């Protein structure tokens, strides 16, 4: 009986940990702006409509992406936008 109880506690702990990891990975890709959400991959104008102007914007660089299906490559601009407690939150 004690072994069954320990196994149950271990399984519940592992399930809780797995759930929190899944939730944290979702949370890191989403930001709440007032009553709206923006996610990684949203277009710049959508983020500005929902969150307003950022405190600062910085171009971090570019990354070249390849699509093997169409044999096409393109450069993608990588930006970091920072929002403070007054705008976007």
C-alpha atoms as a PDB file:
ATOM      1  CA  UNK A   1       0.000   0.000   0.000  1.00  0.00           C
ATOM      2  CA  UNK A   2       2.829   2.395   0.838  1.00  0.00           C
ATOM      3  CA  UNK A   3       4.558   1.626  -2.478  1.00  0.00           C
ATOM      4  CA  UNK A   4       1.370   2.319  -4.405  1.00  0.00           C
ATOM      5  CA  UNK A   5       0.988   5.632  -2.608  1.00  0.00           C
ATOM      6  CA  UNK A   6       4.602   6.629  -3.356  1.00  0.00           C
ATOM      7  CA  UNK A   7       4.208   5.686  -7.029  1.00  0.00           C
ATOM      8  CA  UNK A   8       1.008   7.723  -7.211  1.00  0.00           C
ATOM      9  CA  UNK A   9       2.735  10.760  -5.682  1.00  0.00           C
ATOM     10  CA  UNK A  10       5.666  10.426  -8.083  1.00  0.00           C
ATOM     11  CA  UNK A  11       3.319  10.144 -11.066  1.00  0.00           C
ATOM     12  CA  UNK A  12       1.315  13.171  -9.930  1.00  0.00           C
ATOM     13  CA  UNK A  13       4.508  15.170  -9.423  1.00  0.00           C
ATOM     14  CA  UNK A  14       5.799  14.242 -12.878  1.00  0.00           C
ATOM     15  CA  UNK A  15       2.452  15.109 -14.448  1.00  0.00           C
ATOM     16  CA  UNK A  16       2.439  18.498 -12.703  1.00  0.00           C
ATOM     17  CA  UNK A  17       5.996  19.199 -13.838  1.00  0.00           C
ATOM     18  CA  UNK A  18       5.178  18.260 -17.431  1.00  0.00           C
ATOM     19  CA  UNK A  19       2.138  20.523 -17.357  1.00  0.00           C
ATOM     20  CA  UNK A  20       4.109  23.469 -16.016  1.00  0.00           C
ATOM     21  CA  UNK A  21       6.808  23.024 -18.676  1.00  0.00           C
ATOM     22  CA  UNK A  22       4.174  22.992 -21.416  1.00  0.00           C
ATOM     23  CA  UNK A  23       2.486  26.062 -19.947  1.00  0.00           C
ATOM     24  CA  UNK A  24       5.749  27.982 -19.596  1.00  0.00           C
ATOM     25  CA  UNK A  25       6.750  27.335 -23.210  1.00  0.00           C
ATOM     26  CA  UNK A  26       3.377  28.695 -24.327  1.00  0.00           C
ATOM     27  CA  UNK A  27       3.650  31.673 -22.007  1.00  0.00           C
ATOM     28  CA  UNK A  28       7.036  32.725 -23.344  1.00  0.00           C
ATOM     29  CA  UNK A  29       5.672  33.067 -26.857  1.00  0.00           C
ATOM     30  CA  UNK A  30       2.660  35.181 -25.862  1.00  0.00           C
ATOM     31  CA  UNK A  31       2.346  38.657 -24.336  1.00  0.00           C
ATOM     32  CA  UNK A  32      -0.801  40.236 -22.947  1.00  0.00           C
ATOM     33  CA  UNK A  33      -1.456  43.838 -23.970  1.00  0.00           C
ATOM     34  CA  UNK A  34      -4.466  45.066 -22.047  1.00  0.00           C
ATOM     35  CA  UNK A  35      -7.198  42.587 -22.941  1.00  0.00           C
ATOM     36  CA  UNK A  36      -5.489  41.384 -26.144  1.00  0.00           C
ATOM     37  CA  UNK A  37      -2.741  38.847 -26.822  1.00  0.00           C
ATOM     38  CA  UNK A  38       0.206  39.039 -29.203  1.00  0.00           C
ATOM     39  CA  UNK A  39       2.326  36.044 -30.100  1.00  0.00           C
ATOM     40  CA  UNK A  40       5.669  35.297 -31.664  1.00  0.00           C
ATOM     41  CA  UNK A  41       5.251  35.604 -35.422  1.00  0.00           C
ATOM     42  CA  UNK A  42       2.560  38.303 -35.334  1.00  0.00           C
ATOM     43  CA  UNK A  43       3.064  41.108 -37.826  1.00  0.00           C
ATOM     44  CA  UNK A  44       4.525  44.401 -36.608  1.00  0.00           C
ATOM     45  CA  UNK A  45       1.368  46.409 -37.347  1.00  0.00           C
ATOM     46  CA  UNK A  46      -0.728  43.925 -35.333  1.00  0.00           C
ATOM     47  CA  UNK A  47       1.559  44.295 -32.325  1.00  0.00           C
ATOM     48  CA  UNK A  48       1.462  48.101 -32.600  1.00  0.00           C
ATOM     49  CA  UNK A  49      -2.341  48.101 -32.888  1.00  0.00           C
ATOM     50  CA  UNK A  50      -2.710  45.944 -29.789  1.00  0.00           C
ATOM     51  CA  UNK A  51       0.159  47.249 -27.627  1.00  0.00           C
ATOM     52  CA  UNK A  52       0.934  50.736 -28.907  1.00  0.00           C
ATOM     53  CA  UNK A  53       4.453  52.054 -29.438  1.00  0.00           C
ATOM     54  CA  UNK A  54       7.277  50.182 -27.754  1.00  0.00           C
ATOM     55  CA  UNK A  55       9.696  51.809 -25.321  1.00  0.00           C
ATOM     56  CA  UNK A  56      12.548  50.836 -27.635  1.00  0.00           C
ATOM     57  CA  UNK A  57      13.177  48.892 -30.825  1.00  0.00           C
ATOM     58  CA  UNK A  58      16.491  47.383 -31.846  1.00  0.00           C
ATOM     59  CA  UNK A  59      17.509  45.462 -34.947  1.00  0.00           C
ATOM     60  CA  UNK A  60      19.417  42.413 -33.734  1.00  0.00           C
ATOM     61  CA  UNK A  61      20.443  41.248 -37.190  1.00  0.00           C
ATOM     62  CA  UNK A  62      19.197  39.175 -40.061  1.00  0.00           C
ATOM     63  CA  UNK A  63      18.866  35.479 -40.642  1.00  0.00           C
ATOM     64  CA  UNK A  64      18.745  33.751 -43.990  1.00  0.00           C
ATOM     65  CA  UNK A  65      16.027  31.128 -44.315  1.00  0.00           C
ATOM     66  CA  UNK A  66      15.831  28.384 -46.907  1.00  0.00           C
ATOM     67  CA  UNK A  67      12.841  26.577 -48.314  1.00  0.00           C
ATOM     68  CA  UNK A  68      13.859  23.296 -49.906  1.00  0.00           C
ATOM     69  CA  UNK A  69      10.470  22.811 -51.563  1.00  0.00           C
ATOM     70  CA  UNK A  70      10.862  25.894 -53.745  1.00  0.00           C
ATOM     71  CA  UNK A  71      14.659  26.318 -53.688  1.00  0.00           C
ATOM     72  CA  UNK A  72      14.246  29.856 -52.446  1.00  0.00           C
ATOM     73  CA  UNK A  73      16.081  31.752 -49.743  1.00  0.00           C
ATOM     74  CA  UNK A  74      15.244  35.036 -48.084  1.00  0.00           C
ATOM     75  CA  UNK A  75      16.748  37.273 -45.423  1.00  0.00           C
ATOM     76  CA  UNK A  76      14.570  37.839 -42.369  1.00  0.00           C
ATOM     77  CA  UNK A  77      15.105  40.921 -40.211  1.00  0.00           C
ATOM     78  CA  UNK A  78      15.196  40.163 -36.475  1.00  0.00           C
ATOM     79  CA  UNK A  79      14.001  42.934 -34.150  1.00  0.00           C
ATOM     80  CA  UNK A  80      13.596  43.193 -30.394  1.00  0.00           C
ATOM     81  CA  UNK A  81      10.801  45.418 -29.129  1.00  0.00           C
ATOM     82  CA  UNK A  82      10.690  46.309 -25.445  1.00  0.00           C
ATOM     83  CA  UNK A  83       7.465  47.264 -23.691  1.00  0.00           C
ATOM     84  CA  UNK A  84       7.349  48.730 -20.214  1.00  0.00           C
ATOM     85  CA  UNK A  85       4.720  48.904 -17.505  1.00  0.00           C
ATOM     86  CA  UNK A  86       2.887  51.831 -19.131  1.00  0.00           C
ATOM     87  CA  UNK A  87       2.436  50.549 -22.675  1.00  0.00           C
ATOM     88  CA  UNK A  88       1.625  47.013 -23.588  1.00  0.00           C
ATOM     89  CA  UNK A  89       0.768  45.956 -20.055  1.00  0.00           C
END
